[in-house]
């Protein structure tokens, strides 16, 4: 299992445990409530979605166990695709390179 595959699997398990099933083909935006950078990243993904046919889901790291939450706490917002992880700061050009 590749690193990103293992990470997505772990996130998916914890999201499922919190009754938030994740689409395995979607991009995931990891963030949390009150994170202004996460709000900015969500707006950027909405703009990007208007040009490229992607689906993304918001994933709150507060729903993770302590170890996984700590892993992402200083990185959010984070975009995780089925094949790559992109930590903030990122631009529309960076998102385009994920396609």
N, C-alpha and C. Protein backbone atom coordinates (compact mmCIF):
# COMPACT_ATOMS: atom_id res chain seq x y z
N UNK A 1 0.85 -1.18 0.00
CA UNK A 1 0.00 0.00 0.00
C UNK A 1 0.90 1.24 0.00
N UNK A 2 0.67 2.15 -0.94
CA UNK A 2 1.48 3.37 -0.98
C UNK A 2 1.12 4.27 0.19
N UNK A 3 1.98 5.23 0.45
CA UNK A 3 1.78 6.13 1.58
C UNK A 3 0.45 6.88 1.47
N UNK A 4 0.14 7.43 0.29
CA UNK A 4 -1.11 8.19 0.14
C UNK A 4 -2.31 7.25 0.25
N UNK A 5 -2.18 6.04 -0.26
CA UNK A 5 -3.26 5.08 -0.16
C UNK A 5 -3.52 4.72 1.30
N UNK A 6 -2.45 4.51 2.05
CA UNK A 6 -2.59 4.20 3.48
C UNK A 6 -3.20 5.37 4.24
N UNK A 7 -2.77 6.58 3.91
CA UNK A 7 -3.32 7.78 4.56
C UNK A 7 -4.80 7.92 4.27
N UNK A 8 -5.18 7.77 3.00
CA UNK A 8 -6.60 7.88 2.63
C UNK A 8 -7.43 6.79 3.32
N UNK A 9 -6.87 5.59 3.41
CA UNK A 9 -7.58 4.50 4.07
C UNK A 9 -7.83 4.82 5.54
N UNK A 10 -6.81 5.32 6.21
CA UNK A 10 -6.93 5.67 7.63
C UNK A 10 -7.95 6.79 7.84
N UNK A 11 -7.88 7.82 6.99
CA UNK A 11 -8.84 8.93 7.08
C UNK A 11 -10.26 8.42 6.83
N UNK A 12 -10.40 7.59 5.82
CA UNK A 12 -11.71 7.05 5.47
C UNK A 12 -12.30 6.23 6.62
N UNK A 13 -11.47 5.43 7.27
CA UNK A 13 -11.94 4.64 8.41
C UNK A 13 -12.44 5.54 9.54
N UNK A 14 -11.68 6.59 9.83
CA UNK A 14 -12.06 7.46 10.94
C UNK A 14 -13.27 8.32 10.59
N UNK A 15 -13.38 8.73 9.34
CA UNK A 15 -14.56 9.49 8.92
C UNK A 15 -15.80 8.60 8.97
N UNK A 16 -15.65 7.35 8.56
CA UNK A 16 -16.77 6.41 8.59
C UNK A 16 -17.22 6.18 10.03
N UNK A 17 -16.26 6.09 10.94
CA UNK A 17 -16.58 5.88 12.36
C UNK A 17 -17.36 7.06 12.93
N UNK A 18 -17.16 8.26 12.35
CA UNK A 18 -17.88 9.45 12.81
C UNK A 18 -19.12 9.72 11.95
N UNK A 19 -19.57 8.68 11.21
CA UNK A 19 -20.77 8.76 10.37
C UNK A 19 -20.65 9.75 9.23
N UNK A 20 -19.43 9.91 8.69
CA UNK A 20 -19.21 10.76 7.53
C UNK A 20 -18.53 9.93 6.45
N UNK A 21 -19.28 9.08 5.75
CA UNK A 21 -18.64 8.25 4.72
C UNK A 21 -18.03 9.12 3.62
N UNK A 22 -16.84 8.74 3.18
CA UNK A 22 -16.13 9.51 2.17
C UNK A 22 -16.13 8.76 0.84
N UNK A 23 -16.26 9.51 -0.23
CA UNK A 23 -16.17 8.96 -1.58
C UNK A 23 -14.69 8.73 -1.87
N UNK A 24 -14.33 7.51 -2.20
CA UNK A 24 -12.92 7.18 -2.39
C UNK A 24 -12.33 7.80 -3.65
N UNK A 25 -13.16 8.26 -4.58
CA UNK A 25 -12.66 8.88 -5.80
C UNK A 25 -12.62 10.40 -5.72
N UNK A 26 -13.24 10.96 -4.70
CA UNK A 26 -13.26 12.42 -4.53
C UNK A 26 -11.95 12.93 -3.98
N UNK A 27 -11.73 14.21 -4.19
CA UNK A 27 -10.67 14.91 -3.49
C UNK A 27 -11.21 15.24 -2.11
N UNK A 28 -10.35 15.25 -1.12
CA UNK A 28 -10.75 15.59 0.24
C UNK A 28 -10.02 16.84 0.67
N UNK A 29 -10.75 17.78 1.25
CA UNK A 29 -10.15 18.98 1.83
C UNK A 29 -10.19 18.82 3.34
N UNK A 30 -9.03 18.62 3.92
CA UNK A 30 -8.92 18.48 5.37
C UNK A 30 -8.80 19.86 5.99
N UNK A 31 -9.60 20.10 7.00
CA UNK A 31 -9.59 21.38 7.69
C UNK A 31 -10.32 21.23 9.01
N UNK A 32 -10.75 22.36 9.56
CA UNK A 32 -11.54 22.34 10.78
C UNK A 32 -12.29 23.65 10.91
N UNK A 33 -13.28 23.67 11.78
CA UNK A 33 -14.09 24.87 11.99
C UNK A 33 -13.21 26.00 12.53
N UNK A 34 -13.47 27.21 12.06
CA UNK A 34 -12.74 28.38 12.54
C UNK A 34 -11.40 28.60 11.88
N UNK A 35 -11.05 27.79 10.91
CA UNK A 35 -9.77 27.91 10.20
C UNK A 35 -9.99 28.78 8.96
N UNK A 36 -9.53 30.04 9.00
CA UNK A 36 -9.77 30.93 7.86
C UNK A 36 -9.02 30.47 6.61
N UNK A 37 -7.86 29.85 6.77
CA UNK A 37 -7.15 29.33 5.61
C UNK A 37 -7.92 28.18 4.97
N UNK A 38 -8.61 27.40 5.80
CA UNK A 38 -9.44 26.31 5.28
C UNK A 38 -10.61 26.87 4.47
N UNK A 39 -11.20 27.95 4.94
CA UNK A 39 -12.27 28.61 4.18
C UNK A 39 -11.75 29.13 2.85
N UNK A 40 -10.55 29.72 2.86
CA UNK A 40 -9.93 30.21 1.62
C UNK A 40 -9.69 29.05 0.65
N UNK A 41 -9.19 27.94 1.18
CA UNK A 41 -8.92 26.77 0.34
C UNK A 41 -10.22 26.21 -0.24
N UNK A 42 -11.28 26.21 0.54
CA UNK A 42 -12.57 25.73 0.04
C UNK A 42 -13.07 26.61 -1.11
N UNK A 43 -12.93 27.93 -0.96
CA UNK A 43 -13.33 28.84 -2.04
C UNK A 43 -12.49 28.60 -3.29
N UNK A 44 -11.20 28.36 -3.10
CA UNK A 44 -10.33 28.09 -4.23
C UNK A 44 -10.74 26.80 -4.95
N UNK A 45 -11.08 25.78 -4.19
CA UNK A 45 -11.53 24.52 -4.79
C UNK A 45 -12.87 24.70 -5.51
N UNK A 46 -13.75 25.54 -4.98
CA UNK A 46 -15.02 25.82 -5.67
C UNK A 46 -14.75 26.48 -7.02
N UNK A 47 -13.83 27.44 -7.06
CA UNK A 47 -13.44 28.08 -8.33
C UNK A 47 -12.86 27.04 -9.28
N UNK A 48 -11.97 26.23 -8.77
CA UNK A 48 -11.30 25.20 -9.57
C UNK A 48 -12.32 24.22 -10.13
N UNK A 49 -13.30 23.86 -9.32
CA UNK A 49 -14.34 22.93 -9.72
C UNK A 49 -15.18 23.48 -10.87
N UNK A 50 -15.25 24.81 -11.00
CA UNK A 50 -15.97 25.43 -12.10
C UNK A 50 -15.29 25.23 -13.44
N UNK A 51 -14.01 24.89 -13.42
CA UNK A 51 -13.24 24.71 -14.65
C UNK A 51 -12.90 23.24 -14.89
N UNK A 52 -12.60 22.52 -13.83
CA UNK A 52 -12.22 21.11 -13.93
C UNK A 52 -13.26 20.23 -13.25
N UNK A 53 -13.57 19.09 -13.85
CA UNK A 53 -14.62 18.22 -13.31
C UNK A 53 -14.14 17.39 -12.11
N UNK A 54 -14.00 18.05 -10.97
CA UNK A 54 -13.61 17.34 -9.76
C UNK A 54 -14.75 17.40 -8.75
N UNK A 55 -14.76 16.45 -7.87
CA UNK A 55 -15.64 16.48 -6.71
C UNK A 55 -14.74 16.51 -5.49
N UNK A 56 -15.14 17.28 -4.48
CA UNK A 56 -14.36 17.26 -3.25
C UNK A 56 -15.30 17.24 -2.06
N UNK A 57 -14.78 16.70 -0.98
CA UNK A 57 -15.53 16.63 0.27
C UNK A 57 -14.72 17.31 1.36
N UNK A 58 -15.43 17.99 2.25
CA UNK A 58 -14.79 18.60 3.41
C UNK A 58 -14.65 17.54 4.50
N UNK A 59 -13.48 17.47 5.09
CA UNK A 59 -13.20 16.49 6.14
C UNK A 59 -12.66 17.25 7.34
N UNK A 60 -13.36 17.17 8.47
CA UNK A 60 -12.95 17.89 9.67
C UNK A 60 -11.99 17.04 10.48
N UNK A 61 -10.77 17.55 10.67
CA UNK A 61 -9.77 16.77 11.40
C UNK A 61 -10.14 16.62 12.87
N UNK A 62 -11.09 17.40 13.36
CA UNK A 62 -11.54 17.26 14.75
C UNK A 62 -12.22 15.91 14.98
N UNK A 63 -12.65 15.26 13.89
CA UNK A 63 -13.28 13.94 13.99
C UNK A 63 -12.26 12.81 14.05
N UNK A 64 -10.98 13.13 13.86
CA UNK A 64 -9.94 12.11 13.86
C UNK A 64 -9.51 11.77 15.28
N UNK A 65 -8.85 10.63 15.44
CA UNK A 65 -8.24 10.34 16.73
C UNK A 65 -7.07 11.30 16.95
N UNK A 66 -6.57 11.33 18.16
CA UNK A 66 -5.56 12.34 18.51
C UNK A 66 -4.30 12.24 17.65
N UNK A 67 -3.86 11.03 17.36
CA UNK A 67 -2.63 10.86 16.58
C UNK A 67 -2.79 11.41 15.16
N UNK A 68 -3.89 11.06 14.49
CA UNK A 68 -4.10 11.53 13.13
C UNK A 68 -4.38 13.03 13.10
N UNK A 69 -5.15 13.51 14.07
CA UNK A 69 -5.43 14.94 14.15
C UNK A 69 -4.12 15.73 14.32
N UNK A 70 -3.25 15.25 15.18
CA UNK A 70 -1.96 15.92 15.41
C UNK A 70 -1.12 15.92 14.14
N UNK A 71 -1.19 14.85 13.37
CA UNK A 71 -0.43 14.75 12.13
C UNK A 71 -0.80 15.86 11.16
N UNK A 72 -2.08 16.25 11.13
CA UNK A 72 -2.54 17.25 10.16
C UNK A 72 -2.77 18.64 10.76
N UNK A 73 -2.73 18.77 12.07
CA UNK A 73 -3.10 20.03 12.73
C UNK A 73 -2.28 21.23 12.25
N UNK A 74 -1.00 21.04 12.00
CA UNK A 74 -0.16 22.17 11.57
C UNK A 74 -0.04 22.27 10.06
N UNK A 75 -0.71 21.38 9.33
CA UNK A 75 -0.63 21.38 7.87
C UNK A 75 -1.88 21.94 7.20
N UNK A 76 -3.02 21.91 7.90
CA UNK A 76 -4.29 22.28 7.25
C UNK A 76 -4.28 23.72 6.78
N UNK A 77 -4.98 23.93 5.69
CA UNK A 77 -5.77 23.00 4.90
C UNK A 77 -4.89 22.09 4.04
N UNK A 78 -5.37 20.88 3.83
CA UNK A 78 -4.66 19.88 3.04
C UNK A 78 -5.65 19.30 2.03
N UNK A 79 -5.22 19.23 0.77
CA UNK A 79 -6.01 18.57 -0.27
C UNK A 79 -5.41 17.18 -0.46
N UNK A 80 -6.26 16.18 -0.41
CA UNK A 80 -5.80 14.81 -0.65
C UNK A 80 -6.62 14.24 -1.80
N UNK A 81 -5.93 13.90 -2.87
CA UNK A 81 -6.57 13.26 -4.02
C UNK A 81 -6.33 11.76 -3.89
N UNK A 82 -6.91 10.95 -4.77
CA UNK A 82 -6.62 9.52 -4.69
C UNK A 82 -5.14 9.17 -4.86
N UNK A 83 -4.34 10.12 -5.40
CA UNK A 83 -2.94 9.80 -5.66
C UNK A 83 -1.93 10.74 -5.02
N UNK A 84 -2.37 11.92 -4.56
CA UNK A 84 -1.42 12.91 -4.06
C UNK A 84 -1.96 13.68 -2.86
N UNK A 85 -1.04 14.29 -2.14
CA UNK A 85 -1.38 15.17 -1.02
C UNK A 85 -0.75 16.53 -1.29
N UNK A 86 -1.52 17.60 -1.08
CA UNK A 86 -1.05 18.96 -1.29
C UNK A 86 -1.32 19.76 -0.03
N UNK A 87 -0.25 20.19 0.62
CA UNK A 87 -0.37 20.98 1.84
C UNK A 87 -0.41 22.47 1.50
N UNK A 88 -1.07 23.24 2.34
CA UNK A 88 -1.13 24.69 2.18
C UNK A 88 0.23 25.28 2.50
N UNK A 89 0.68 26.33 1.85
CA UNK A 89 -0.05 27.13 0.87
C UNK A 89 -0.02 26.50 -0.52
N UNK A 90 -1.12 26.68 -1.25
CA UNK A 90 -1.18 26.23 -2.63
C UNK A 90 -2.01 27.21 -3.44
N UNK A 91 -1.84 27.13 -4.75
CA UNK A 91 -2.52 28.04 -5.68
C UNK A 91 -3.37 27.22 -6.65
N UNK A 92 -4.09 27.92 -7.51
CA UNK A 92 -4.87 27.24 -8.55
C UNK A 92 -3.95 26.45 -9.47
N UNK A 93 -2.77 26.97 -9.73
CA UNK A 93 -1.79 26.26 -10.57
C UNK A 93 -1.37 24.96 -9.89
N UNK A 94 -1.15 25.01 -8.58
CA UNK A 94 -0.80 23.79 -7.84
C UNK A 94 -1.93 22.76 -7.93
N UNK A 95 -3.17 23.22 -7.81
CA UNK A 95 -4.31 22.31 -7.93
C UNK A 95 -4.37 21.70 -9.33
N UNK A 96 -4.08 22.51 -10.33
CA UNK A 96 -4.10 22.03 -11.71
C UNK A 96 -3.09 20.90 -11.91
N UNK A 97 -1.97 20.97 -11.23
CA UNK A 97 -0.95 19.93 -11.36
C UNK A 97 -1.37 18.61 -10.73
N UNK A 98 -2.44 18.62 -9.96
CA UNK A 98 -2.96 17.38 -9.37
C UNK A 98 -3.82 16.59 -10.35
N UNK A 99 -4.25 17.24 -11.41
CA UNK A 99 -5.12 16.59 -12.41
C UNK A 99 -4.33 15.54 -13.18
